[in-house]
């Protein structure tokens, strides 16, 4: 493919992506997804968690040419997971990406007037609804962008893509590590790219490179020299 052809395809994809905002497709899609009360912190919402995968995510991915499979969580009674694959050639590089369809508890009684956790609403330039910022908004953007690229490139990406969806991120991704170990061949890829993290601020798109996981620990320090107010005793204190 020539540089000019590649540039034209890129511009076409960007124009189509912008069109999903201007023609209301993004808002309509996100509205539909926010309406799923997929609260992983709510023990009675297990059916809704599965339905989000079977009725919303899987049909969307199938239309984009993915082969999908829904798996039981390796930890009994925990929410399911989905692996989707779109393979264009064995010699092509493979991208693995990620999304989660579960959200925190709705807590409708705490929302400001004119908003509701399961109804997308817009006030000024901001949209409200449970999952708009974590993670339904992100994976909606990603999947619409992917559709825009496919449309602009006559149905070809030029690489393979795999998607891992989980439904228990808001309760600590229960079973995710064990599942990934069990499915390491199915999830094998050259690059992992996920959209589920903080931004520097609302106006600045942010990319973090080289994340290597988290190690949690508790540190307790017995100094033996009593309490010190940080305003008066800043910097270092001797330990004796």
C-alpha atoms as a PDB file:
ATOM      1  CA  UNK A   1       0.000   0.000   0.000  1.00  0.00           C
ATOM      2  CA  UNK A   2       1.414   3.399  -0.980  1.00  0.00           C
ATOM      3  CA  UNK A   3       1.860   6.185   1.555  1.00  0.00           C
ATOM      4  CA  UNK A   4      -0.814   8.264  -0.194  1.00  0.00           C
ATOM      5  CA  UNK A   5      -3.312   5.403  -0.098  1.00  0.00           C
ATOM      6  CA  UNK A   6      -2.576   4.793   3.582  1.00  0.00           C
ATOM      7  CA  UNK A   7      -3.028   8.487   4.372  1.00  0.00           C
ATOM      8  CA  UNK A   8      -6.323   8.585   2.474  1.00  0.00           C
ATOM      9  CA  UNK A   9      -7.544   5.541   4.399  1.00  0.00           C
ATOM     10  CA  UNK A  10      -6.555   7.170   7.676  1.00  0.00           C
ATOM     11  CA  UNK A  11      -8.434  10.351   6.843  1.00  0.00           C
ATOM     12  CA  UNK A  12     -11.492   8.378   5.775  1.00  0.00           C
ATOM     13  CA  UNK A  13     -11.442   6.445   9.046  1.00  0.00           C
ATOM     14  CA  UNK A  14     -11.134   9.655  11.061  1.00  0.00           C
ATOM     15  CA  UNK A  15     -14.025  11.221   9.165  1.00  0.00           C
ATOM     16  CA  UNK A  16     -16.204   8.185   9.793  1.00  0.00           C
ATOM     17  CA  UNK A  17     -15.285   8.196  13.484  1.00  0.00           C
ATOM     18  CA  UNK A  18     -16.212  11.871  13.746  1.00  0.00           C
ATOM     19  CA  UNK A  19     -19.487  11.104  11.983  1.00  0.00           C
ATOM     20  CA  UNK A  20     -20.470   8.686  14.763  1.00  0.00           C
ATOM     21  CA  UNK A  21     -20.508  11.696  17.089  1.00  0.00           C
ATOM     22  CA  UNK A  22     -22.233  14.070  14.709  1.00  0.00           C
ATOM     23  CA  UNK A  23     -24.959  11.666  13.579  1.00  0.00           C
ATOM     24  CA  UNK A  24     -25.782  10.498  17.100  1.00  0.00           C
ATOM     25  CA  UNK A  25     -24.533   6.908  16.696  1.00  0.00           C
ATOM     26  CA  UNK A  26     -22.137   7.149  19.630  1.00  0.00           C
ATOM     27  CA  UNK A  27     -24.751   8.577  21.997  1.00  0.00           C
ATOM     28  CA  UNK A  28     -27.379   6.052  20.887  1.00  0.00           C
ATOM     29  CA  UNK A  29     -24.981   3.131  21.369  1.00  0.00           C
ATOM     30  CA  UNK A  30     -23.781   4.312  24.763  1.00  0.00           C
ATOM     31  CA  UNK A  31     -27.357   5.020  25.860  1.00  0.00           C
ATOM     32  CA  UNK A  32     -28.277   1.420  25.105  1.00  0.00           C
ATOM     33  CA  UNK A  33     -25.279   0.090  27.029  1.00  0.00           C
ATOM     34  CA  UNK A  34     -25.733   2.336  30.054  1.00  0.00           C
ATOM     35  CA  UNK A  35     -29.305   0.993  30.346  1.00  0.00           C
ATOM     36  CA  UNK A  36     -27.890  -2.393  31.390  1.00  0.00           C
ATOM     37  CA  UNK A  37     -27.737  -2.367  35.201  1.00  0.00           C
ATOM     38  CA  UNK A  38     -24.593  -4.504  35.131  1.00  0.00           C
ATOM     39  CA  UNK A  39     -23.570  -4.041  38.757  1.00  0.00           C
ATOM     40  CA  UNK A  40     -20.945  -6.627  39.645  1.00  0.00           C
ATOM     41  CA  UNK A  41     -21.097  -5.456  43.265  1.00  0.00           C
ATOM     42  CA  UNK A  42     -24.762  -6.483  43.383  1.00  0.00           C
ATOM     43  CA  UNK A  43     -25.197 -10.247  43.979  1.00  0.00           C
ATOM     44  CA  UNK A  44     -28.659 -10.195  42.371  1.00  0.00           C
ATOM     45  CA  UNK A  45     -27.372  -8.751  39.064  1.00  0.00           C
ATOM     46  CA  UNK A  46     -25.683 -11.906  37.727  1.00  0.00           C
ATOM     47  CA  UNK A  47     -28.241 -12.336  34.908  1.00  0.00           C
ATOM     48  CA  UNK A  48     -27.673  -8.736  33.784  1.00  0.00           C
ATOM     49  CA  UNK A  49     -23.924  -9.310  33.644  1.00  0.00           C
ATOM     50  CA  UNK A  50     -24.350 -12.264  31.313  1.00  0.00           C
ATOM     51  CA  UNK A  51     -26.976 -10.456  29.230  1.00  0.00           C
ATOM     52  CA  UNK A  52     -24.596  -7.576  28.593  1.00  0.00           C
ATOM     53  CA  UNK A  53     -22.230 -10.014  26.911  1.00  0.00           C
ATOM     54  CA  UNK A  54     -24.809 -12.130  25.058  1.00  0.00           C
ATOM     55  CA  UNK A  55     -27.224  -9.400  23.932  1.00  0.00           C
ATOM     56  CA  UNK A  56     -24.962  -6.372  23.516  1.00  0.00           C
ATOM     57  CA  UNK A  57     -21.254  -7.075  23.107  1.00  0.00           C
ATOM     58  CA  UNK A  58     -21.284 -10.384  21.244  1.00  0.00           C
ATOM     59  CA  UNK A  59     -23.749  -9.268  18.495  1.00  0.00           C
ATOM     60  CA  UNK A  60     -21.710  -6.081  17.994  1.00  0.00           C
ATOM     61  CA  UNK A  61     -18.489  -8.035  17.587  1.00  0.00           C
ATOM     62  CA  UNK A  62     -20.014 -10.646  15.289  1.00  0.00           C
ATOM     63  CA  UNK A  63     -21.107  -7.832  12.929  1.00  0.00           C
ATOM     64  CA  UNK A  64     -17.477  -6.682  12.873  1.00  0.00           C
ATOM     65  CA  UNK A  65     -16.279 -10.115  11.814  1.00  0.00           C
ATOM     66  CA  UNK A  66     -15.234 -11.525  15.182  1.00  0.00           C
ATOM     67  CA  UNK A  67     -15.614 -15.088  16.365  1.00  0.00           C
ATOM     68  CA  UNK A  68     -16.798 -14.977  19.962  1.00  0.00           C
ATOM     69  CA  UNK A  69     -16.867 -17.421  22.848  1.00  0.00           C
ATOM     70  CA  UNK A  70     -18.263 -16.812  26.327  1.00  0.00           C
ATOM     71  CA  UNK A  71     -16.573 -18.663  29.183  1.00  0.00           C
ATOM     72  CA  UNK A  72     -17.598 -19.463  32.715  1.00  0.00           C
ATOM     73  CA  UNK A  73     -15.387 -17.813  35.289  1.00  0.00           C
ATOM     74  CA  UNK A  74     -12.817 -20.267  36.678  1.00  0.00           C
ATOM     75  CA  UNK A  75     -13.926 -19.124  40.147  1.00  0.00           C
ATOM     76  CA  UNK A  76     -17.351 -20.593  40.811  1.00  0.00           C
ATOM     77  CA  UNK A  77     -20.273 -18.148  40.972  1.00  0.00           C
ATOM     78  CA  UNK A  78     -18.164 -15.253  39.612  1.00  0.00           C
ATOM     79  CA  UNK A  79     -19.166 -13.364  36.413  1.00  0.00           C
ATOM     80  CA  UNK A  80     -18.377 -14.722  32.920  1.00  0.00           C
ATOM     81  CA  UNK A  81     -15.736 -13.624  30.416  1.00  0.00           C
ATOM     82  CA  UNK A  82     -15.643 -13.338  26.634  1.00  0.00           C
ATOM     83  CA  UNK A  83     -12.852 -13.797  24.111  1.00  0.00           C
ATOM     84  CA  UNK A  84     -13.357 -12.469  20.584  1.00  0.00           C
ATOM     85  CA  UNK A  85     -10.971 -13.008  17.669  1.00  0.00           C
ATOM     86  CA  UNK A  86     -10.727 -11.438  14.236  1.00  0.00           C
ATOM     87  CA  UNK A  87      -7.861 -13.105  12.383  1.00  0.00           C
ATOM     88  CA  UNK A  88      -6.794 -11.859   8.947  1.00  0.00           C
ATOM     89  CA  UNK A  89      -3.583 -13.848   8.537  1.00  0.00           C
ATOM     90  CA  UNK A  90      -1.176 -16.027  10.501  1.00  0.00           C
ATOM     91  CA  UNK A  91       1.807 -13.899   9.474  1.00  0.00           C
ATOM     92  CA  UNK A  92       0.205 -10.618  10.550  1.00  0.00           C
ATOM     93  CA  UNK A  93       0.819  -8.991  13.941  1.00  0.00           C
ATOM     94  CA  UNK A  94      -1.852  -9.519  16.582  1.00  0.00           C
ATOM     95  CA  UNK A  95      -3.332  -6.889  18.891  1.00  0.00           C
ATOM     96  CA  UNK A  96      -5.000  -7.830  22.184  1.00  0.00           C
ATOM     97  CA  UNK A  97      -7.327  -5.310  23.769  1.00  0.00           C
ATOM     98  CA  UNK A  98      -9.588  -5.322  26.813  1.00  0.00           C
ATOM     99  CA  UNK A  99     -12.871  -4.027  28.169  1.00  0.00           C
ATOM    100  CA  UNK A 100     -15.165  -4.626  31.111  1.00  0.00           C
ATOM    101  CA  UNK A 101     -18.924  -4.317  31.030  1.00  0.00           C
ATOM    102  CA  UNK A 102     -19.589  -4.298  34.755  1.00  0.00           C
ATOM    103  CA  UNK A 103     -20.064  -1.103  36.747  1.00  0.00           C
ATOM    104  CA  UNK A 104     -20.238  -0.073  40.378  1.00  0.00           C
ATOM    105  CA  UNK A 105     -23.592   0.029  42.174  1.00  0.00           C
ATOM    106  CA  UNK A 106     -26.002   2.525  40.634  1.00  0.00           C
ATOM    107  CA  UNK A 107     -26.916   4.375  43.859  1.00  0.00           C
ATOM    108  CA  UNK A 108     -29.690   6.241  42.051  1.00  0.00           C
ATOM    109  CA  UNK A 109     -30.684   8.122  45.216  1.00  0.00           C
ATOM    110  CA  UNK A 110     -27.342   9.951  45.229  1.00  0.00           C
ATOM    111  CA  UNK A 111     -27.489  11.280  41.668  1.00  0.00           C
ATOM    112  CA  UNK A 112     -28.196  14.938  41.016  1.00  0.00           C
ATOM    113  CA  UNK A 113     -31.539  16.042  39.653  1.00  0.00           C
ATOM    114  CA  UNK A 114     -31.967  15.283  35.960  1.00  0.00           C
ATOM    115  CA  UNK A 115     -29.560  12.332  36.006  1.00  0.00           C
ATOM    116  CA  UNK A 116     -29.921   8.599  36.648  1.00  0.00           C
ATOM    117  CA  UNK A 117     -27.387   5.756  36.629  1.00  0.00           C
ATOM    118  CA  UNK A 118     -29.222   3.734  33.940  1.00  0.00           C
ATOM    119  CA  UNK A 119     -30.273   6.634  31.699  1.00  0.00           C
ATOM    120  CA  UNK A 120     -27.756   8.594  29.669  1.00  0.00           C
ATOM    121  CA  UNK A 121     -28.259  12.325  30.128  1.00  0.00           C
ATOM    122  CA  UNK A 122     -26.408  15.381  28.904  1.00  0.00           C
ATOM    123  CA  UNK A 123     -25.873  18.598  30.819  1.00  0.00           C
ATOM    124  CA  UNK A 124     -23.899  21.147  28.860  1.00  0.00           C
ATOM    125  CA  UNK A 125     -20.969  19.359  27.265  1.00  0.00           C
ATOM    126  CA  UNK A 126     -20.943  16.524  29.817  1.00  0.00           C
ATOM    127  CA  UNK A 127     -22.773  13.208  29.671  1.00  0.00           C
ATOM    128  CA  UNK A 128     -23.864  11.252  32.730  1.00  0.00           C
ATOM    129  CA  UNK A 129     -24.715   7.613  33.332  1.00  0.00           C
ATOM    130  CA  UNK A 130     -23.119   4.711  35.173  1.00  0.00           C
ATOM    131  CA  UNK A 131     -20.292   3.346  33.039  1.00  0.00           C
ATOM    132  CA  UNK A 132     -19.839   6.380  30.782  1.00  0.00           C
ATOM    133  CA  UNK A 133     -16.338   6.880  32.183  1.00  0.00           C
ATOM    134  CA  UNK A 134     -15.619   3.323  33.343  1.00  0.00           C
ATOM    135  CA  UNK A 135     -15.689   1.334  31.085  1.00  0.00           C
ATOM    136  CA  UNK A 136     -18.693   1.383  28.745  1.00  0.00           C
ATOM    137  CA  UNK A 137     -17.682   4.733  27.333  1.00  0.00           C
ATOM    138  CA  UNK A 138     -14.164   3.545  26.544  1.00  0.00           C
ATOM    139  CA  UNK A 139     -15.049   0.277  24.855  1.00  0.00           C
ATOM    140  CA  UNK A 140     -17.868   1.960  22.935  1.00  0.00           C
ATOM    141  CA  UNK A 141     -15.344   4.456  21.549  1.00  0.00           C
ATOM    142  CA  UNK A 142     -12.908   1.660  20.690  1.00  0.00           C
ATOM    143  CA  UNK A 143     -15.450  -0.523  18.912  1.00  0.00           C
ATOM    144  CA  UNK A 144     -16.897   2.367  16.909  1.00  0.00           C
ATOM    145  CA  UNK A 145     -13.369   3.394  15.949  1.00  0.00           C
ATOM    146  CA  UNK A 146     -12.657  -0.164  14.843  1.00  0.00           C
ATOM    147  CA  UNK A 147     -15.825  -0.155  12.743  1.00  0.00           C
ATOM    148  CA  UNK A 148     -14.750   3.152  11.190  1.00  0.00           C
ATOM    149  CA  UNK A 149     -11.372   1.702  10.201  1.00  0.00           C
ATOM    150  CA  UNK A 150     -12.972  -1.402   8.703  1.00  0.00           C
ATOM    151  CA  UNK A 151     -15.387   0.712   6.664  1.00  0.00           C
ATOM    152  CA  UNK A 152     -12.595   2.968   5.450  1.00  0.00           C
ATOM    153  CA  UNK A 153     -10.353   0.033   4.483  1.00  0.00           C
ATOM    154  CA  UNK A 154     -12.972  -2.088   2.725  1.00  0.00           C
ATOM    155  CA  UNK A 155     -13.280  -4.556   5.590  1.00  0.00           C
ATOM    156  CA  UNK A 156      -9.557  -5.152   6.212  1.00  0.00           C
ATOM    157  CA  UNK A 157      -7.469  -4.013   9.168  1.00  0.00           C
ATOM    158  CA  UNK A 158      -4.109  -5.363   8.048  1.00  0.00           C
ATOM    159  CA  UNK A 159      -3.587  -7.052  11.432  1.00  0.00           C
ATOM    160  CA  UNK A 160      -5.281  -9.556  13.725  1.00  0.00           C
ATOM    161  CA  UNK A 161      -7.185  -8.469  16.804  1.00  0.00           C
ATOM    162  CA  UNK A 162      -8.349 -10.245  19.936  1.00  0.00           C
ATOM    163  CA  UNK A 163     -10.603  -8.777  22.609  1.00  0.00           C
ATOM    164  CA  UNK A 164     -10.980  -9.889  26.202  1.00  0.00           C
ATOM    165  CA  UNK A 165     -14.128  -8.783  28.016  1.00  0.00           C
ATOM    166  CA  UNK A 166     -14.684  -9.382  31.707  1.00  0.00           C
ATOM    167  CA  UNK A 167     -17.638  -8.611  33.971  1.00  0.00           C
ATOM    168  CA  UNK A 168     -16.024  -8.443  37.412  1.00  0.00           C
ATOM    169  CA  UNK A 169     -13.495  -5.604  37.241  1.00  0.00           C
ATOM    170  CA  UNK A 170     -15.331  -3.551  39.864  1.00  0.00           C
ATOM    171  CA  UNK A 171     -15.022  -6.395  42.385  1.00  0.00           C
ATOM    172  CA  UNK A 172     -11.318  -6.980  41.857  1.00  0.00           C
ATOM    173  CA  UNK A 173     -11.375  -8.883  38.533  1.00  0.00           C
ATOM    174  CA  UNK A 174     -12.106 -12.120  40.305  1.00  0.00           C
ATOM    175  CA  UNK A 175     -10.855 -15.070  38.283  1.00  0.00           C
ATOM    176  CA  UNK A 176      -9.199 -12.930  35.610  1.00  0.00           C
ATOM    177  CA  UNK A 177      -5.595 -13.932  36.341  1.00  0.00           C
ATOM    178  CA  UNK A 178      -6.457 -17.631  36.500  1.00  0.00           C
ATOM    179  CA  UNK A 179      -8.518 -17.343  33.314  1.00  0.00           C
ATOM    180  CA  UNK A 180      -5.675 -15.649  31.431  1.00  0.00           C
ATOM    181  CA  UNK A 181      -3.276 -18.369  32.541  1.00  0.00           C
ATOM    182  CA  UNK A 182      -5.692 -21.042  31.332  1.00  0.00           C
ATOM    183  CA  UNK A 183      -6.273 -19.227  28.020  1.00  0.00           C
ATOM    184  CA  UNK A 184      -2.724 -18.032  27.385  1.00  0.00           C
ATOM    185  CA  UNK A 185      -2.595 -19.549  23.902  1.00  0.00           C
ATOM    186  CA  UNK A 186      -5.965 -18.069  22.917  1.00  0.00           C
ATOM    187  CA  UNK A 187      -4.870 -14.649  24.186  1.00  0.00           C
ATOM    188  CA  UNK A 188      -1.351 -14.705  22.714  1.00  0.00           C
ATOM    189  CA  UNK A 189      -0.585 -11.397  20.968  1.00  0.00           C
ATOM    190  CA  UNK A 190       2.221  -9.052  19.936  1.00  0.00           C
ATOM    191  CA  UNK A 191       0.781  -5.973  21.626  1.00  0.00           C
ATOM    192  CA  UNK A 192      -1.645  -5.411  24.484  1.00  0.00           C
ATOM    193  CA  UNK A 193      -3.559  -2.126  24.399  1.00  0.00           C
ATOM    194  CA  UNK A 194      -6.248  -1.389  26.995  1.00  0.00           C
ATOM    195  CA  UNK A 195      -8.461   1.650  27.544  1.00  0.00           C
ATOM    196  CA  UNK A 196      -9.234   1.584  31.244  1.00  0.00           C
ATOM    197  CA  UNK A 197      -7.235   4.054  33.247  1.00  0.00           C
ATOM    198  CA  UNK A 198      -6.934   7.672  34.401  1.00  0.00           C
ATOM    199  CA  UNK A 199      -6.287  10.779  32.340  1.00  0.00           C
ATOM    200  CA  UNK A 200      -4.017  13.628  33.341  1.00  0.00           C
ATOM    201  CA  UNK A 201      -7.108  15.825  33.150  1.00  0.00           C
ATOM    202  CA  UNK A 202     -10.437  15.872  31.321  1.00  0.00           C
ATOM    203  CA  UNK A 203      -9.007  17.842  28.394  1.00  0.00           C
ATOM    204  CA  UNK A 204      -5.861  15.764  27.796  1.00  0.00           C
ATOM    205  CA  UNK A 205      -5.949  12.371  26.052  1.00  0.00           C
ATOM    206  CA  UNK A 206      -3.431  10.220  27.907  1.00  0.00           C
ATOM    207  CA  UNK A 207      -1.424   7.141  26.932  1.00  0.00           C
ATOM    208  CA  UNK A 208       0.560   5.212  29.532  1.00  0.00           C
ATOM    209  CA  UNK A 209       3.252   2.903  28.197  1.00  0.00           C
ATOM    210  CA  UNK A 210       4.906  -0.078  29.823  1.00  0.00           C
ATOM    211  CA  UNK A 211       2.479  -0.845  32.651  1.00  0.00           C
ATOM    212  CA  UNK A 212       3.703  -3.988  34.381  1.00  0.00           C
ATOM    213  CA  UNK A 213       1.109  -4.690  37.021  1.00  0.00           C
ATOM    214  CA  UNK A 214       0.653  -3.791  40.672  1.00  0.00           C
ATOM    215  CA  UNK A 215       2.146  -5.077  43.890  1.00  0.00           C
ATOM    216  CA  UNK A 216       0.121  -4.207  46.990  1.00  0.00           C
ATOM    217  CA  UNK A 217       1.594  -4.194  50.475  1.00  0.00           C
ATOM    218  CA  UNK A 218       1.067  -2.579  53.876  1.00  0.00           C
ATOM    219  CA  UNK A 219       3.947  -0.723  55.514  1.00  0.00           C
ATOM    220  CA  UNK A 220       3.963  -0.125  59.271  1.00  0.00           C
ATOM    221  CA  UNK A 221       6.735   1.984  60.762  1.00  0.00           C
ATOM    222  CA  UNK A 222       7.404   2.269  64.515  1.00  0.00           C
ATOM    223  CA  UNK A 223       9.542   5.397  64.898  1.00  0.00           C
ATOM    224  CA  UNK A 224       9.552   5.637  68.686  1.00  0.00           C
ATOM    225  CA  UNK A 225       9.576   9.453  68.563  1.00  0.00           C
ATOM    226  CA  UNK A 226       5.852  10.232  68.805  1.00  0.00           C
ATOM    227  CA  UNK A 227       3.442  12.012  66.471  1.00  0.00           C
ATOM    228  CA  UNK A 228       4.580  14.949  64.350  1.00  0.00           C
ATOM    229  CA  UNK A 229       2.308  17.383  62.523  1.00  0.00           C
ATOM    230  CA  UNK A 230       3.371  17.578  58.877  1.00  0.00           C
ATOM    231  CA  UNK A 231       2.880  21.350  58.774  1.00  0.00           C
ATOM    232  CA  UNK A 232       5.527  21.912  61.461  1.00  0.00           C
ATOM    233  CA  UNK A 233       7.705  18.842  61.044  1.00  0.00           C
ATOM    234  CA  UNK A 234       8.086  18.441  57.314  1.00  0.00           C
ATOM    235  CA  UNK A 235      10.755  16.515  55.391  1.00  0.00           C
ATOM    236  CA  UNK A 236      12.634  13.716  57.222  1.00  0.00           C
ATOM    237  CA  UNK A 237      12.329  12.641  60.822  1.00  0.00           C
ATOM    238  CA  UNK A 238      15.006  10.553  62.522  1.00  0.00           C
ATOM    239  CA  UNK A 239      14.098   7.012  63.551  1.00  0.00           C
ATOM    240  CA  UNK A 240      15.641   5.943  66.844  1.00  0.00           C
END
